[in-house]
Amino acid sequence: MKAIQDLTVLITGATDGLGKDLALRFAKEGSMVLLHGRNPEKGQAVLEEIIQKTGNKNLRYFNADFASLQSVRDLGGELKKQYQNLDILINNAGIGSTKMNVRELSTDGYELTLCVNYLAPFLLTHLLLPMLHHRDTSKIINIASGSQQELNFDDLMLDHNYSGRKAYAQSKLALILFTFTLAGQSKDSTLRVNAIHPETRMNTKMVLDYYGSAESTIEAGTENVWYVATSTEVENLTGVYFNKATPAKADPQAYDPIARDKLYRLSKDLVKI
């Protein structure tokens, strides 16, 4: 892999929490950092803050609402227009479960949590794959969770028996299934695809709003993702689920090739690729 200062890194959900801290870490090391968010004013403020803290001016901000697949397509098109290669894609953007257990829909009519946490990164990743397939080793890191719920393909959008916690856990397991599928498809290339549960209940706004307290820190989560992204010890691993910085076992459904194939085909239909 290239030296860290020569990397081009895209981090989705980079205006707060783990994504922002990762962007700051890569910027400190001199990488070209592409930040994504959904609030342009906040995005610009974070961009300027990181430049001021690090002195690294090789930062760019891109806006997109992951509740809209068209917005994701626009983001992919803009990135491909401006950059030829991408070294690391960190699919971090996401929403948490809701205490109110109110089922909401995305712009495209899909269950909102599944769209933002899974379908949007699924689509964006496919749009950017040509930028990630090059002679140098490149990486996709999907920010998953230890909270995982087996997918019910007869009710993927949770029209029945909806709960916010179930929607979140299902979306994160879907991301792991996709990780394993894409890693298998890319096994003969220089692309490495892994998923990680960075830490348990970090002190993010999402966790504090839901639980009222935290069990770990954003900095600890950043350290674990940084390890998977940059350490020579794991640079050749692909198709791995990490619990913090350690390879671990995900929900059993993630290892079911029939389930993975079914989800992949269905996801392609849902995002229209």
Protein backbone atom coordinates (compact mmCIF):
# COMPACT_ATOMS: atom_id res chain seq x y z
CA MET A 1 0.00 0.00 0.00
CA LYS A 2 1.10 3.58 -0.58
CA ALA A 3 2.61 5.72 2.15
CA ILE A 4 -0.12 7.27 4.28
CA GLN A 5 0.66 10.79 3.06
CA ASP A 6 0.05 9.65 -0.53
CA LEU A 7 -3.37 8.13 0.12
CA THR A 8 -6.70 9.46 -1.09
CA VAL A 9 -9.33 8.54 1.49
CA LEU A 10 -13.10 8.96 1.33
CA ILE A 11 -14.97 8.88 4.63
CA THR A 12 -18.75 9.01 4.61
CA GLY A 13 -20.47 10.54 7.60
CA ALA A 14 -17.34 12.56 8.32
CA THR A 15 -18.85 15.63 10.00
CA ASP A 16 -19.37 14.08 13.43
CA GLY A 17 -18.32 11.27 15.73
CA LEU A 18 -16.14 8.46 14.44
CA GLY A 19 -16.07 9.74 10.85
CA LYS A 20 -14.86 13.19 11.88
CA ASP A 21 -12.18 11.76 14.16
CA LEU A 22 -10.97 9.45 11.39
CA ALA A 23 -10.83 12.37 8.96
CA LEU A 24 -8.76 14.32 11.47
CA ARG A 25 -6.39 11.37 11.93
CA PHE A 26 -5.80 10.88 8.20
CA ALA A 27 -5.42 14.64 7.69
CA LYS A 28 -2.77 14.80 10.42
CA GLU A 29 -0.81 12.13 8.55
CA GLY A 30 -0.96 14.15 5.31
CA SER A 31 -3.51 12.12 3.34
CA MET A 32 -5.88 13.62 0.80
CA VAL A 33 -9.17 13.35 2.71
CA LEU A 34 -12.59 13.52 1.06
CA LEU A 35 -15.28 14.16 3.63
CA HIS A 36 -18.95 13.41 3.10
CA GLY A 37 -21.89 14.80 5.04
CA ARG A 38 -25.51 15.81 4.53
CA ASN A 39 -25.45 19.33 5.93
CA PRO A 40 -23.36 21.68 3.74
CA GLU A 41 -22.92 24.35 6.42
CA LYS A 42 -21.76 21.84 9.00
CA GLY A 43 -19.59 20.11 6.41
CA GLN A 44 -17.80 23.32 5.51
CA ALA A 45 -17.27 24.16 9.18
CA VAL A 46 -15.76 20.73 9.88
CA LEU A 47 -13.55 21.03 6.81
CA GLU A 48 -12.17 24.37 7.97
CA GLU A 49 -11.73 23.06 11.53
CA ILE A 50 -9.64 20.09 10.39
CA ILE A 51 -7.54 22.25 8.07
CA GLN A 52 -6.88 24.64 10.94
CA LYS A 53 -5.93 21.82 13.33
CA THR A 54 -3.69 19.91 10.92
CA GLY A 55 -2.44 22.42 8.37
CA ASN A 56 -3.45 19.92 5.68
CA LYS A 57 -5.25 21.72 2.87
CA ASN A 58 -5.75 18.56 0.79
CA LEU A 59 -9.29 18.16 2.06
CA ARG A 60 -12.56 18.35 0.12
CA TYR A 61 -16.16 18.21 1.26
CA PHE A 62 -18.97 16.49 -0.65
CA ASN A 63 -22.64 16.70 0.25
CA ALA A 64 -25.21 13.91 -0.17
CA ASP A 65 -28.30 12.69 1.64
CA PHE A 66 -28.12 8.91 2.00
CA ALA A 67 -31.90 8.78 2.42
CA SER A 68 -32.02 9.44 -1.34
CA LEU A 69 -30.40 7.01 -3.77
CA GLN A 70 -30.36 9.71 -6.44
CA SER A 71 -28.29 11.86 -4.10
CA VAL A 72 -25.88 8.93 -3.71
CA ARG A 73 -25.65 8.59 -7.51
CA ASP A 74 -24.90 12.29 -7.78
CA LEU A 75 -22.17 11.94 -5.18
CA GLY A 76 -20.59 9.03 -7.03
CA GLY A 77 -20.68 10.94 -10.30
CA GLU A 78 -19.06 14.01 -8.76
CA LEU A 79 -16.28 11.97 -7.16
CA LYS A 80 -15.51 10.13 -10.40
CA LYS A 81 -15.44 13.43 -12.26
CA GLN A 82 -12.85 14.93 -9.92
CA TYR A 83 -10.64 11.94 -9.01
CA GLN A 84 -9.21 8.98 -10.90
CA ASN A 85 -8.15 6.75 -8.01
CA LEU A 86 -9.33 6.14 -4.48
CA ASP A 87 -7.17 4.24 -2.00
CA ILE A 88 -9.51 3.83 0.96
CA LEU A 89 -13.29 4.03 1.18
CA ILE A 90 -14.68 4.02 4.71
CA ASN A 91 -18.44 3.50 4.67
CA ASN A 92 -19.22 5.08 8.01
CA ALA A 93 -22.39 7.15 7.47
CA GLY A 94 -25.40 5.77 9.24
CA ILE A 95 -28.35 6.36 11.52
CA GLY A 96 -29.18 4.64 14.77
CA SER A 97 -32.31 3.04 16.11
CA THR A 98 -35.12 5.18 17.43
CA LYS A 99 -36.66 4.97 20.89
CA MET A 100 -40.00 5.89 19.40
CA ASN A 101 -40.00 2.81 17.15
CA VAL A 102 -41.57 4.80 14.35
CA ARG A 103 -41.01 3.22 10.95
CA GLU A 104 -39.91 5.82 8.41
CA LEU A 105 -39.33 5.60 4.67
CA SER A 106 -36.54 6.87 2.46
CA THR A 107 -37.10 9.05 -0.59
CA ASP A 108 -37.28 5.86 -2.66
CA GLY A 109 -39.91 4.30 -0.40
CA TYR A 110 -37.57 1.89 1.42
CA GLU A 111 -37.30 1.41 5.17
CA LEU A 112 -35.13 4.34 6.17
CA THR A 113 -32.50 2.62 8.33
CA LEU A 114 -31.87 -0.09 5.75
CA CYS A 115 -31.53 2.57 3.04
CA VAL A 116 -29.11 4.85 4.87
CA ASN A 117 -27.02 2.17 6.58
CA TYR A 118 -26.93 -0.42 3.82
CA LEU A 119 -28.44 0.38 0.42
CA ALA A 120 -26.73 3.78 0.13
CA PRO A 121 -23.21 2.43 0.85
CA PHE A 122 -23.96 -0.61 -1.34
CA LEU A 123 -24.75 1.72 -4.24
CA LEU A 124 -21.90 4.17 -3.58
CA THR A 125 -19.37 1.34 -3.34
CA HIS A 126 -20.43 -0.03 -6.72
CA LEU A 127 -20.26 3.41 -8.30
CA LEU A 128 -16.71 3.90 -6.99
CA LEU A 129 -15.32 0.42 -7.68
CA PRO A 130 -13.53 1.55 -10.89
CA MET A 131 -11.63 4.09 -8.77
CA LEU A 132 -10.65 1.42 -6.25
CA HIS A 133 -9.43 -1.18 -8.73
CA HIS A 134 -5.89 -0.08 -9.54
CA ARG A 135 -2.39 -1.51 -9.25
CA ASP A 136 -1.86 -0.40 -5.65
CA THR A 137 -3.63 -2.11 -2.78
CA SER A 138 -6.91 -0.36 -1.99
CA LYS A 139 -9.36 -0.91 0.85
CA ILE A 140 -13.04 -0.73 1.60
CA ILE A 141 -13.86 -0.67 5.29
CA ASN A 142 -17.51 -1.01 6.22
CA ILE A 143 -18.40 0.26 9.69
CA ALA A 144 -20.65 -2.46 11.04
CA SER A 145 -21.76 -3.23 14.59
CA GLY A 146 -21.78 -5.97 17.16
CA SER A 147 -25.55 -5.55 17.07
CA GLN A 148 -26.71 -7.90 14.28
CA GLN A 149 -30.14 -9.25 13.34
CA GLU A 150 -30.74 -12.12 10.94
CA LEU A 151 -32.36 -10.88 7.73
CA ASN A 152 -35.90 -12.00 7.02
CA PHE A 153 -36.14 -11.87 3.24
CA ASP A 154 -39.92 -12.12 3.43
CA ASP A 155 -40.01 -8.85 5.38
CA LEU A 156 -36.75 -7.07 4.61
CA MET A 157 -38.39 -3.65 4.91
CA LEU A 158 -39.91 -4.57 8.29
CA ASP A 159 -43.48 -3.81 7.29
CA HIS A 160 -44.48 -6.12 10.15
CA ASN A 161 -43.27 -6.15 13.75
CA TYR A 162 -41.03 -3.13 13.25
CA SER A 163 -38.62 -1.99 15.92
CA GLY A 164 -35.85 0.57 15.60
CA ARG A 165 -33.31 -1.73 17.22
CA LYS A 166 -34.19 -4.57 14.84
CA ALA A 167 -33.95 -2.23 11.83
CA TYR A 168 -30.50 -1.05 12.90
CA ALA A 169 -29.16 -4.54 13.65
CA GLN A 170 -30.52 -5.89 10.37
CA SER A 171 -28.91 -3.08 8.37
CA LYS A 172 -25.53 -3.71 9.97
CA LEU A 173 -25.65 -7.43 9.30
CA ALA A 174 -26.61 -6.71 5.69
CA LEU A 175 -23.44 -4.61 5.43
CA ILE A 176 -21.38 -7.56 6.66
CA LEU A 177 -22.98 -9.95 4.16
CA PHE A 178 -22.14 -7.46 1.41
CA THR A 179 -18.57 -7.19 2.71
CA PHE A 180 -18.06 -10.93 2.38
CA THR A 181 -19.70 -11.04 -1.06
CA LEU A 182 -17.60 -8.21 -2.49
CA ALA A 183 -14.42 -9.63 -0.97
CA GLY A 184 -15.10 -12.90 -2.75
CA GLN A 185 -15.74 -11.14 -6.03
CA SER A 186 -12.48 -9.18 -5.66
CA LYS A 187 -10.24 -11.97 -4.36
CA ASP A 188 -7.97 -11.90 -7.42
CA SER A 189 -7.48 -8.12 -7.33
CA THR A 190 -5.59 -5.67 -5.11
CA LEU A 191 -8.82 -4.64 -3.37
CA ARG A 192 -9.32 -5.61 0.28
CA VAL A 193 -12.84 -5.48 1.72
CA ASN A 194 -13.47 -5.79 5.47
CA ALA A 195 -16.08 -4.88 8.07
CA ILE A 196 -15.48 -3.71 11.61
CA HIS A 197 -17.36 -3.20 14.85
CA PRO A 198 -15.12 -0.33 16.01
CA GLU A 199 -16.16 -0.17 19.67
CA THR A 200 -19.19 -0.78 21.86
CA ARG A 201 -21.41 2.24 22.49
CA MET A 202 -18.88 5.00 21.81
CA ASN A 203 -19.67 8.44 23.17
CA THR A 204 -21.27 9.58 19.91
CA LYS A 205 -24.38 11.74 19.77
CA MET A 206 -26.29 8.78 18.34
CA VAL A 207 -25.40 6.54 21.30
CA LEU A 208 -25.93 9.23 23.94
CA ASP A 209 -29.33 10.17 22.51
CA TYR A 210 -30.49 6.54 22.61
CA TYR A 211 -28.81 5.10 25.72
CA GLY A 212 -28.06 8.22 27.73
CA SER A 213 -24.51 7.03 28.45
CA ALA A 214 -21.51 5.48 26.72
CA GLU A 215 -19.24 2.49 27.33
CA SER A 216 -16.25 3.54 25.22
CA THR A 217 -14.80 6.51 23.37
CA ILE A 218 -14.73 7.69 19.79
CA GLU A 219 -10.93 7.80 20.04
CA ALA A 220 -10.82 4.08 20.87
CA GLY A 221 -13.02 3.33 17.86
CA THR A 222 -10.80 5.45 15.65
CA GLU A 223 -7.73 3.56 16.82
CA ASN A 224 -9.30 0.24 15.84
CA VAL A 225 -10.43 1.41 12.40
CA TRP A 226 -7.03 3.02 11.84
CA TYR A 227 -5.39 -0.32 12.59
CA VAL A 228 -7.54 -2.16 10.02
CA ALA A 229 -6.98 0.62 7.48
CA THR A 230 -3.23 1.06 7.79
CA SER A 231 -1.49 -1.75 9.70
CA THR A 232 0.86 -3.99 7.75
CA GLU A 233 -0.21 -6.84 10.04
CA VAL A 234 -3.64 -7.06 8.39
CA GLU A 235 -3.04 -5.40 5.01
CA ASN A 236 -3.58 -8.63 3.07
CA LEU A 237 -6.71 -9.74 4.89
CA THR A 238 -10.00 -9.49 3.03
CA GLY A 239 -13.51 -10.72 3.75
CA VAL A 240 -12.96 -10.40 7.49
CA TYR A 241 -15.26 -9.12 10.22
CA PHE A 242 -13.27 -7.38 12.95
CA ASN A 243 -14.53 -6.94 16.49
CA LYS A 244 -12.48 -3.89 17.38
CA ALA A 245 -8.98 -4.80 16.10
CA THR A 246 -9.44 -8.56 16.20
CA PRO A 247 -10.85 -10.87 13.51
CA ALA A 248 -14.08 -12.32 14.87
CA LYS A 249 -17.24 -14.22 13.97
CA ALA A 250 -20.29 -12.34 12.77
CA ASP A 251 -23.85 -13.63 12.90
CA PRO A 252 -24.04 -17.12 11.29
CA GLN A 253 -26.15 -15.82 8.40
CA ALA A 254 -23.12 -13.88 7.15
CA TYR A 255 -21.47 -17.20 6.27
CA ASP A 256 -24.46 -18.56 4.34
CA PRO A 257 -23.61 -18.26 0.62
CA ILE A 258 -27.28 -18.60 -0.36
CA ALA A 259 -28.29 -15.71 1.90
CA ARG A 260 -25.39 -13.58 0.70
CA ASP A 261 -26.23 -14.21 -2.95
CA LYS A 262 -29.92 -13.54 -2.37
CA LEU A 263 -29.20 -10.25 -0.61
CA TYR A 264 -26.75 -9.17 -3.29
CA ARG A 265 -29.18 -9.80 -6.13
CA LEU A 266 -32.04 -8.14 -4.28
CA SER A 267 -29.89 -5.13 -3.40
CA LYS A 268 -28.88 -4.64 -7.04
CA ASP A 269 -32.56 -4.62 -7.99
CA LEU A 270 -33.47 -2.18 -5.21
CA VAL A 271 -30.77 0.34 -6.14
CA LYS A 272 -31.23 -0.29 -9.86
CA ILE A 273 -27.74 -1.34 -10.92
